[in-house]
Amino acid sequence: MGVHPLQEFPAGSSRCPLEAVFFPKLTPRERIPLPREPRVPRPVGRPRDTLFEAMAKSAVRSIGSQVGRQVVRGVLGSILGGGRR
């Protein structure tokens, strides 16, 4: 465990914070422990999809996007008068 780089040193000390990081000579009592991130428990979610479920979802999305694209083309075509000459 290393020394915190922002540790204060006594007045008149020739040691700089970088020296303490790279050449720690402090006793364990003089060291400041590094702050640690608290562990956050992972949320319990839904299990991953099976191969069949993933394939079915992909097929439904593909069909849905094709139908949606055709509807949008039809609406825009009727509004803009496309296809008639």
PDB file of N, CA and C in Angstrom:
ATOM      1  N   MET A   1       0.855  -1.166   0.000  1.00  0.00           N
ATOM      2  CA  MET A   1       0.000   0.000   0.000  1.00  0.00           C
ATOM      3  C   MET A   1       0.901   1.229   0.000  1.00  0.00           C
ATOM      4  N   GLY A   2       0.631   2.190  -0.864  1.00  0.00           N
ATOM      5  CA  GLY A   2       1.472   3.364  -1.021  1.00  0.00           C
ATOM      6  C   GLY A   2       1.080   4.499  -0.105  1.00  0.00           C
ATOM      7  N   VAL A   3       1.865   5.529  -0.144  1.00  0.00           N
ATOM      8  CA  VAL A   3       1.618   6.725   0.651  1.00  0.00           C
ATOM      9  C   VAL A   3       0.797   7.685  -0.196  1.00  0.00           C
ATOM     10  N   HIS A   4      -0.166   8.327   0.423  1.00  0.00           N
ATOM     11  CA  HIS A   4      -1.004   9.290  -0.299  1.00  0.00           C
ATOM     12  C   HIS A   4      -0.130  10.452  -0.753  1.00  0.00           C
ATOM     13  N   PRO A   5      -0.199  10.865  -2.055  1.00  0.00           N
ATOM     14  CA  PRO A   5       0.708  11.898  -2.560  1.00  0.00           C
ATOM     15  C   PRO A   5       0.474  13.272  -1.960  1.00  0.00           C
ATOM     16  N   LEU A   6      -0.673  13.509  -1.350  1.00  0.00           N
ATOM     17  CA  LEU A   6      -0.956  14.827  -0.789  1.00  0.00           C
ATOM     18  C   LEU A   6      -0.698  14.901   0.714  1.00  0.00           C
ATOM     19  N   GLN A   7       0.051  13.943   1.244  1.00  0.00           N
ATOM     20  CA  GLN A   7       0.335  13.933   2.672  1.00  0.00           C
ATOM     21  C   GLN A   7       1.197  15.133   3.042  1.00  0.00           C
ATOM     22  N   GLU A   8       0.876  15.744   4.171  1.00  0.00           N
ATOM     23  CA  GLU A   8       1.641  16.900   4.619  1.00  0.00           C
ATOM     24  C   GLU A   8       2.901  16.428   5.331  1.00  0.00           C
ATOM     25  N   PHE A   9       3.974  17.202   5.165  1.00  0.00           N
ATOM     26  CA  PHE A   9       5.236  16.861   5.789  1.00  0.00           C
ATOM     27  C   PHE A   9       5.584  17.930   6.811  1.00  0.00           C
ATOM     28  N   PRO A  10       6.343  17.584   7.832  1.00  0.00           N
ATOM     29  CA  PRO A  10       6.703  18.564   8.861  1.00  0.00           C
ATOM     30  C   PRO A  10       7.479  19.730   8.265  1.00  0.00           C
ATOM     31  N   ALA A  11       7.342  20.910   8.892  1.00  0.00           N
ATOM     32  CA  ALA A  11       8.050  22.102   8.432  1.00  0.00           C
ATOM     33  C   ALA A  11       9.547  21.851   8.487  1.00  0.00           C
ATOM     34  N   GLY A  12      10.247  22.291   7.455  1.00  0.00           N
ATOM     35  CA  GLY A  12      11.693  22.108   7.405  1.00  0.00           C
ATOM     36  C   GLY A  12      12.109  20.761   6.872  1.00  0.00           C
ATOM     37  N   SER A  13      11.154  19.926   6.514  1.00  0.00           N
ATOM     38  CA  SER A  13      11.487  18.614   5.982  1.00  0.00           C
ATOM     39  C   SER A  13      11.963  18.762   4.547  1.00  0.00           C
ATOM     40  N   SER A  14      13.003  18.025   4.188  1.00  0.00           N
ATOM     41  CA  SER A  14      13.528  18.108   2.831  1.00  0.00           C
ATOM     42  C   SER A  14      12.796  17.153   1.889  1.00  0.00           C
ATOM     43  N   ARG A  15      11.915  16.353   2.453  1.00  0.00           N
ATOM     44  CA  ARG A  15      11.215  15.377   1.620  1.00  0.00           C
ATOM     45  C   ARG A  15      10.029  16.029   0.928  1.00  0.00           C
ATOM     46  N   CYS A  16       9.842  15.727  -0.322  1.00  0.00           N
ATOM     47  CA  CYS A  16       8.697  16.249  -1.072  1.00  0.00           C
ATOM     48  C   CYS A  16       7.669  15.132  -1.232  1.00  0.00           C
ATOM     49  N   PRO A  17       6.444  15.451  -1.593  1.00  0.00           N
ATOM     50  CA  PRO A  17       5.417  14.408  -1.746  1.00  0.00           C
ATOM     51  C   PRO A  17       5.797  13.334  -2.759  1.00  0.00           C
ATOM     52  N   LEU A  18       6.442  13.703  -3.862  1.00  0.00           N
ATOM     53  CA  LEU A  18       6.819  12.694  -4.857  1.00  0.00           C
ATOM     54  C   LEU A  18       7.871  11.745  -4.303  1.00  0.00           C
ATOM     55  N   GLU A  19       8.761  12.273  -3.490  1.00  0.00           N
ATOM     56  CA  GLU A  19       9.767  11.410  -2.879  1.00  0.00           C
ATOM     57  C   GLU A  19       9.095  10.385  -1.976  1.00  0.00           C
ATOM     58  N   ALA A  20       8.059  10.825  -1.259  1.00  0.00           N
ATOM     59  CA  ALA A  20       7.354   9.907  -0.373  1.00  0.00           C
ATOM     60  C   ALA A  20       6.613   8.833  -1.163  1.00  0.00           C
ATOM     61  N   VAL A  21       6.142   9.182  -2.350  1.00  0.00           N
ATOM     62  CA  VAL A  21       5.430   8.203  -3.168  1.00  0.00           C
ATOM     63  C   VAL A  21       6.390   7.172  -3.725  1.00  0.00           C
ATOM     64  N   PHE A  22       7.523   7.643  -4.252  1.00  0.00           N
ATOM     65  CA  PHE A  22       8.449   6.735  -4.901  1.00  0.00           C
ATOM     66  C   PHE A  22       9.448   6.092  -3.947  1.00  0.00           C
ATOM     67  N   PHE A  23       9.736   6.751  -2.831  1.00  0.00           N
ATOM     68  CA  PHE A  23      10.679   6.222  -1.853  1.00  0.00           C
ATOM     69  C   PHE A  23      10.071   6.319  -0.459  1.00  0.00           C
ATOM     70  N   PRO A  24       9.053   5.528  -0.153  1.00  0.00           N
ATOM     71  CA  PRO A  24       8.401   5.653   1.153  1.00  0.00           C
ATOM     72  C   PRO A  24       9.316   5.181   2.282  1.00  0.00           C
ATOM     73  N   LYS A  25       9.577   6.092   3.233  1.00  0.00           N
ATOM     74  CA  LYS A  25      10.410   5.759   4.394  1.00  0.00           C
ATOM     75  C   LYS A  25       9.648   6.018   5.684  1.00  0.00           C
ATOM     76  N   LEU A  26       8.357   6.305   5.561  1.00  0.00           N
ATOM     77  CA  LEU A  26       7.565   6.589   6.747  1.00  0.00           C
ATOM     78  C   LEU A  26       7.188   5.288   7.444  1.00  0.00           C
ATOM     79  N   THR A  27       7.023   5.370   8.743  1.00  0.00           N
ATOM     80  CA  THR A  27       6.569   4.199   9.485  1.00  0.00           C
ATOM     81  C   THR A  27       5.078   4.012   9.208  1.00  0.00           C
ATOM     82  N   PRO A  28       4.544   2.828   9.401  1.00  0.00           N
ATOM     83  CA  PRO A  28       3.117   2.605   9.141  1.00  0.00           C
ATOM     84  C   PRO A  28       2.214   3.563   9.912  1.00  0.00           C
ATOM     85  N   ARG A  29       2.641   4.002  11.093  1.00  0.00           N
ATOM     86  CA  ARG A  29       1.824   4.915  11.890  1.00  0.00           C
ATOM     87  C   ARG A  29       1.746   6.300  11.244  1.00  0.00           C
ATOM     88  N   GLU A  30       2.803   6.700  10.504  1.00  0.00           N
ATOM     89  CA  GLU A  30       2.843   8.017   9.876  1.00  0.00           C
ATOM     90  C   GLU A  30       2.132   8.062   8.519  1.00  0.00           C
ATOM     91  N   ARG A  31       1.861   6.906   7.951  1.00  0.00           N
ATOM     92  CA  ARG A  31       1.259   6.862   6.627  1.00  0.00           C
ATOM     93  C   ARG A  31      -0.235   7.159   6.679  1.00  0.00           C
ATOM     94  N   ILE A  32      -0.702   7.822   5.639  1.00  0.00           N
ATOM     95  CA  ILE A  32      -2.139   8.079   5.491  1.00  0.00           C
ATOM     96  C   ILE A  32      -2.662   7.053   4.496  1.00  0.00           C
ATOM     97  N   PRO A  33      -3.672   6.278   4.851  1.00  0.00           N
ATOM     98  CA  PRO A  33      -4.153   5.257   3.912  1.00  0.00           C
ATOM     99  C   PRO A  33      -4.818   5.913   2.698  1.00  0.00           C
ATOM    100  N   LEU A  34      -4.672   5.259   1.555  1.00  0.00           N
ATOM    101  CA  LEU A  34      -5.290   5.745   0.322  1.00  0.00           C
ATOM    102  C   LEU A  34      -6.805   5.600   0.424  1.00  0.00           C
ATOM    103  N   PRO A  35      -7.551   6.583  -0.063  1.00  0.00           N
ATOM    104  CA  PRO A  35      -9.015   6.449  -0.027  1.00  0.00           C
ATOM    105  C   PRO A  35      -9.468   5.333  -0.951  1.00  0.00           C
ATOM    106  N   ARG A  36     -10.467   4.581  -0.527  1.00  0.00           N
ATOM    107  CA  ARG A  36     -10.988   3.475  -1.330  1.00  0.00           C
ATOM    108  C   ARG A  36     -12.417   3.759  -1.729  1.00  0.00           C
ATOM    109  N   GLU A  37     -12.752   3.335  -2.932  1.00  0.00           N
ATOM    110  CA  GLU A  37     -14.121   3.461  -3.407  1.00  0.00           C
ATOM    111  C   GLU A  37     -14.979   2.411  -2.705  1.00  0.00           C
ATOM    112  N   PRO A  38     -16.133   2.804  -2.200  1.00  0.00           N
ATOM    113  CA  PRO A  38     -16.996   1.792  -1.583  1.00  0.00           C
ATOM    114  C   PRO A  38     -17.535   0.840  -2.644  1.00  0.00           C
ATOM    115  N   ARG A  39     -17.632  -0.420  -2.289  1.00  0.00           N
ATOM    116  CA  ARG A  39     -18.140  -1.406  -3.244  1.00  0.00           C
ATOM    117  C   ARG A  39     -19.650  -1.274  -3.351  1.00  0.00           C
ATOM    118  N   VAL A  40     -20.098  -1.201  -4.584  1.00  0.00           N
ATOM    119  CA  VAL A  40     -21.529  -1.102  -4.834  1.00  0.00           C
ATOM    120  C   VAL A  40     -21.994  -2.462  -5.320  1.00  0.00           C
ATOM    121  N   PRO A  41     -22.995  -3.042  -4.665  1.00  0.00           N
ATOM    122  CA  PRO A  41     -23.456  -4.353  -5.120  1.00  0.00           C
ATOM    123  C   PRO A  41     -24.076  -4.255  -6.507  1.00  0.00           C
ATOM    124  N   ARG A  42     -23.806  -5.249  -7.331  1.00  0.00           N
ATOM    125  CA  ARG A  42     -24.354  -5.262  -8.680  1.00  0.00           C
ATOM    126  C   ARG A  42     -25.841  -5.538  -8.612  1.00  0.00           C
ATOM    127  N   PRO A  43     -26.623  -4.810  -9.409  1.00  0.00           N
ATOM    128  CA  PRO A  43     -28.055  -5.064  -9.396  1.00  0.00           C
ATOM    129  C   PRO A  43     -28.373  -6.434  -9.988  1.00  0.00           C
ATOM    130  N   VAL A  44     -29.343  -7.078  -9.383  1.00  0.00           N
ATOM    131  CA  VAL A  44     -29.754  -8.387  -9.869  1.00  0.00           C
ATOM    132  C   VAL A  44     -30.773  -8.144 -10.976  1.00  0.00           C
ATOM    133  N   GLY A  45     -30.431  -8.547 -12.166  1.00  0.00           N
ATOM    134  CA  GLY A  45     -31.310  -8.303 -13.312  1.00  0.00           C
ATOM    135  C   GLY A  45     -31.811  -9.602 -13.905  1.00  0.00           C
ATOM    136  N   ARG A  46     -32.352  -9.445 -15.066  1.00  0.00           N
ATOM    137  CA  ARG A  46     -32.871 -10.575 -15.803  1.00  0.00           C
ATOM    138  C   ARG A  46     -31.706 -11.394 -16.349  1.00  0.00           C
ATOM    139  N   PRO A  47     -31.834 -12.712 -16.386  1.00  0.00           N
ATOM    140  CA  PRO A  47     -30.762 -13.508 -16.996  1.00  0.00           C
ATOM    141  C   PRO A  47     -30.685 -13.242 -18.502  1.00  0.00           C
ATOM    142  N   ARG A  48     -29.563 -13.530 -19.075  1.00  0.00           N
ATOM    143  CA  ARG A  48     -29.358 -13.287 -20.506  1.00  0.00           C
ATOM    144  C   ARG A  48     -30.311 -14.129 -21.338  1.00  0.00           C
ATOM    145  N   ASP A  49     -30.607 -13.626 -22.539  1.00  0.00           N
ATOM    146  CA  ASP A  49     -31.504 -14.333 -23.438  1.00  0.00           C
ATOM    147  C   ASP A  49     -30.845 -15.599 -23.968  1.00  0.00           C
ATOM    148  N   THR A  50     -31.683 -16.595 -24.246  1.00  0.00           N
ATOM    149  CA  THR A  50     -31.177 -17.800 -24.896  1.00  0.00           C
ATOM    150  C   THR A  50     -30.950 -17.495 -26.370  1.00  0.00           C
ATOM    151  N   LEU A  51     -30.326 -18.416 -27.065  1.00  0.00           N
ATOM    152  CA  LEU A  51     -30.056 -18.227 -28.487  1.00  0.00           C
ATOM    153  C   LEU A  51     -31.356 -18.052 -29.265  1.00  0.00           C
ATOM    154  N   PHE A  52     -32.362 -18.867 -28.956  1.00  0.00           N
ATOM    155  CA  PHE A  52     -33.648 -18.774 -29.654  1.00  0.00           C
ATOM    156  C   PHE A  52     -34.322 -17.428 -29.394  1.00  0.00           C
ATOM    157  N   GLU A  53     -34.299 -16.964 -28.144  1.00  0.00           N
ATOM    158  CA  GLU A  53     -34.919 -15.674 -27.815  1.00  0.00           C
ATOM    159  C   GLU A  53     -34.217 -14.530 -28.544  1.00  0.00           C
ATOM    160  N   ALA A  54     -32.899 -14.580 -28.618  1.00  0.00           N
ATOM    161  CA  ALA A  54     -32.148 -13.530 -29.305  1.00  0.00           C
ATOM    162  C   ALA A  54     -32.478 -13.521 -30.795  1.00  0.00           C
ATOM    163  N   MET A  55     -32.572 -14.710 -31.402  1.00  0.00           N
ATOM    164  CA  MET A  55     -32.906 -14.793 -32.823  1.00  0.00           C
ATOM    165  C   MET A  55     -34.322 -14.289 -33.080  1.00  0.00           C
ATOM    166  N   ALA A  56     -35.268 -14.639 -32.210  1.00  0.00           N
ATOM    167  CA  ALA A  56     -36.656 -14.204 -32.370  1.00  0.00           C
ATOM    168  C   ALA A  56     -36.753 -12.687 -32.239  1.00  0.00           C
ATOM    169  N   LYS A  57     -36.066 -12.109 -31.264  1.00  0.00           N
ATOM    170  CA  LYS A  57     -36.085 -10.653 -31.091  1.00  0.00           C
ATOM    171  C   LYS A  57     -35.517  -9.950 -32.317  1.00  0.00           C
ATOM    172  N   SER A  58     -34.429 -10.475 -32.841  1.00  0.00           N
ATOM    173  CA  SER A  58     -33.799  -9.872 -34.006  1.00  0.00           C
ATOM    174  C   SER A  58     -34.741  -9.921 -35.206  1.00  0.00           C
ATOM    175  N   ALA A  59     -35.413 -11.060 -35.412  1.00  0.00           N
ATOM    176  CA  ALA A  59     -36.344 -11.192 -36.535  1.00  0.00           C
ATOM    177  C   ALA A  59     -37.514 -10.223 -36.395  1.00  0.00           C
ATOM    178  N   VAL A  60     -38.075 -10.114 -35.200  1.00  0.00           N
ATOM    179  CA  VAL A  60     -39.203  -9.214 -34.973  1.00  0.00           C
ATOM    180  C   VAL A  60     -38.784  -7.761 -35.207  1.00  0.00           C
ATOM    181  N   ARG A  61     -37.594  -7.389 -34.738  1.00  0.00           N
ATOM    182  CA  ARG A  61     -37.111  -6.022 -34.965  1.00  0.00           C
ATOM    183  C   ARG A  61     -36.929  -5.741 -36.448  1.00  0.00           C
ATOM    184  N   SER A  62     -36.386  -6.717 -37.173  1.00  0.00           N
ATOM    185  CA  SER A  62     -36.156  -6.532 -38.604  1.00  0.00           C
ATOM    186  C   SER A  62     -37.473  -6.364 -39.352  1.00  0.00           C
ATOM    187  N   ILE A  63     -38.434  -7.209 -39.055  1.00  0.00           N
ATOM    188  CA  ILE A  63     -39.751  -7.113 -39.699  1.00  0.00           C
ATOM    189  C   ILE A  63     -40.412  -5.792 -39.337  1.00  0.00           C
ATOM    190  N   GLY A  64     -40.335  -5.407 -38.077  1.00  0.00           N
ATOM    191  CA  GLY A  64     -40.932  -4.157 -37.637  1.00  0.00           C
ATOM    192  C   GLY A  64     -40.321  -2.951 -38.320  1.00  0.00           C
ATOM    193  N   SER A  65     -39.005  -2.958 -38.496  1.00  0.00           N
ATOM    194  CA  SER A  65     -38.370  -1.811 -39.154  1.00  0.00           C
ATOM    195  C   SER A  65     -38.730  -1.766 -40.632  1.00  0.00           C
ATOM    196  N   GLN A  66     -38.868  -2.941 -41.277  1.00  0.00           N
ATOM    197  CA  GLN A  66     -39.262  -2.963 -42.693  1.00  0.00           C
ATOM    198  C   GLN A  66     -40.679  -2.443 -42.870  1.00  0.00           C
ATOM    199  N   VAL A  67     -41.592  -2.865 -42.011  1.00  0.00           N
ATOM    200  CA  VAL A  67     -42.979  -2.404 -42.092  1.00  0.00           C
ATOM    201  C   VAL A  67     -43.042  -0.907 -41.825  1.00  0.00           C
ATOM    202  N   GLY A  68     -42.322  -0.462 -40.818  1.00  0.00           N
ATOM    203  CA  GLY A  68     -42.301   0.959 -40.502  1.00  0.00           C
ATOM    204  C   GLY A  68     -41.754   1.788 -41.653  1.00  0.00           C
ATOM    205  N   ARG A  69     -40.717   1.272 -42.296  1.00  0.00           N
ATOM    206  CA  ARG A  69     -40.134   1.991 -43.433  1.00  0.00           C
ATOM    207  C   ARG A  69     -41.133   2.094 -44.578  1.00  0.00           C
ATOM    208  N   GLN A  70     -41.873   1.014 -44.853  1.00  0.00           N
ATOM    209  CA  GLN A  70     -42.873   1.037 -45.920  1.00  0.00           C
ATOM    210  C   GLN A  70     -43.994   2.015 -45.607  1.00  0.00           C
ATOM    211  N   VAL A  71     -44.422   2.069 -44.339  1.00  0.00           N
ATOM    212  CA  VAL A  71     -45.481   3.002 -43.952  1.00  0.00           C
ATOM    213  C   VAL A  71     -45.011   4.438 -44.141  1.00  0.00           C
ATOM    214  N   VAL A  72     -43.813   4.732 -43.697  1.00  0.00           N
ATOM    215  CA  VAL A  72     -43.285   6.091 -43.825  1.00  0.00           C
ATOM    216  C   VAL A  72     -43.152   6.468 -45.297  1.00  0.00           C
ATOM    217  N   ARG A  73     -42.666   5.545 -46.130  1.00  0.00           N
ATOM    218  CA  ARG A  73     -42.542   5.839 -47.562  1.00  0.00           C
ATOM    219  C   ARG A  73     -43.908   6.097 -48.184  1.00  0.00           C
ATOM    220  N   GLY A  74     -44.921   5.314 -47.777  1.00  0.00           N
ATOM    221  CA  GLY A  74     -46.263   5.508 -48.315  1.00  0.00           C
ATOM    222  C   GLY A  74     -46.852   6.851 -47.911  1.00  0.00           C
ATOM    223  N   VAL A  75     -46.681   7.217 -46.643  1.00  0.00           N
ATOM    224  CA  VAL A  75     -47.216   8.499 -46.166  1.00  0.00           C
ATOM    225  C   VAL A  75     -46.504   9.649 -46.859  1.00  0.00           C
ATOM    226  N   LEU A  76     -45.193   9.594 -46.907  1.00  0.00           N
ATOM    227  CA  LEU A  76     -44.455  10.674 -47.563  1.00  0.00           C
ATOM    228  C   LEU A  76     -44.761  10.738 -49.058  1.00  0.00           C
ATOM    229  N   GLY A  77     -44.919   9.574 -49.675  1.00  0.00           N
ATOM    230  CA  GLY A  77     -45.247   9.559 -51.097  1.00  0.00           C
ATOM    231  C   GLY A  77     -46.587  10.192 -51.375  1.00  0.00           C
ATOM    232  N   SER A  78     -47.573   9.917 -50.509  1.00  0.00           N
ATOM    233  CA  SER A  78     -48.895  10.504 -50.717  1.00  0.00           C
ATOM    234  C   SER A  78     -48.874  12.008 -50.443  1.00  0.00           C
ATOM    235  N   ILE A  79     -48.087  12.445 -49.485  1.00  0.00           N
ATOM    236  CA  ILE A  79     -48.010  13.871 -49.173  1.00  0.00           C
ATOM    237  C   ILE A  79     -47.273  14.618 -50.276  1.00  0.00           C
ATOM    238  N   LEU A  80     -46.147  14.076 -50.704  1.00  0.00           N
ATOM    239  CA  LEU A  80     -45.325  14.776 -51.681  1.00  0.00           C
ATOM    240  C   LEU A  80     -45.718  14.470 -53.118  1.00  0.00           C
ATOM    241  N   GLY A  81     -46.659  13.556 -53.319  1.00  0.00           N
ATOM    242  CA  GLY A  81     -47.133  13.236 -54.660  1.00  0.00           C
ATOM    243  C   GLY A  81     -46.132  12.457 -55.488  1.00  0.00           C
ATOM    244  N   GLY A  82     -45.334  11.651 -54.843  1.00  0.00           N
ATOM    245  CA  GLY A  82     -44.351  10.865 -55.569  1.00  0.00           C
ATOM    246  C   GLY A  82     -45.020   9.710 -56.327  1.00  0.00           C
ATOM    247  N   GLY A  83     -44.458   9.312 -57.443  1.00  0.00           N
ATOM    248  CA  GLY A  83     -44.976   8.186 -58.214  1.00  0.00           C
ATOM    249  C   GLY A  83     -45.968   8.585 -59.286  1.00  0.00           C
ATOM    250  N   ARG A  84     -46.546   9.733 -59.206  1.00  0.00           N
ATOM    251  CA  ARG A  84     -47.496  10.184 -60.243  1.00  0.00           C
ATOM    252  C   ARG A  84     -46.788  11.130 -61.186  1.00  0.00           C
ATOM    253  N   ARG A  85     -47.020  10.943 -62.463  1.00  0.00           N
ATOM    254  CA  ARG A  85     -46.416  11.860 -63.445  1.00  0.00           C
ATOM    255  C   ARG A  85     -47.444  12.376 -64.367  1.00  0.00           C
TER     256      ARG A  85
END
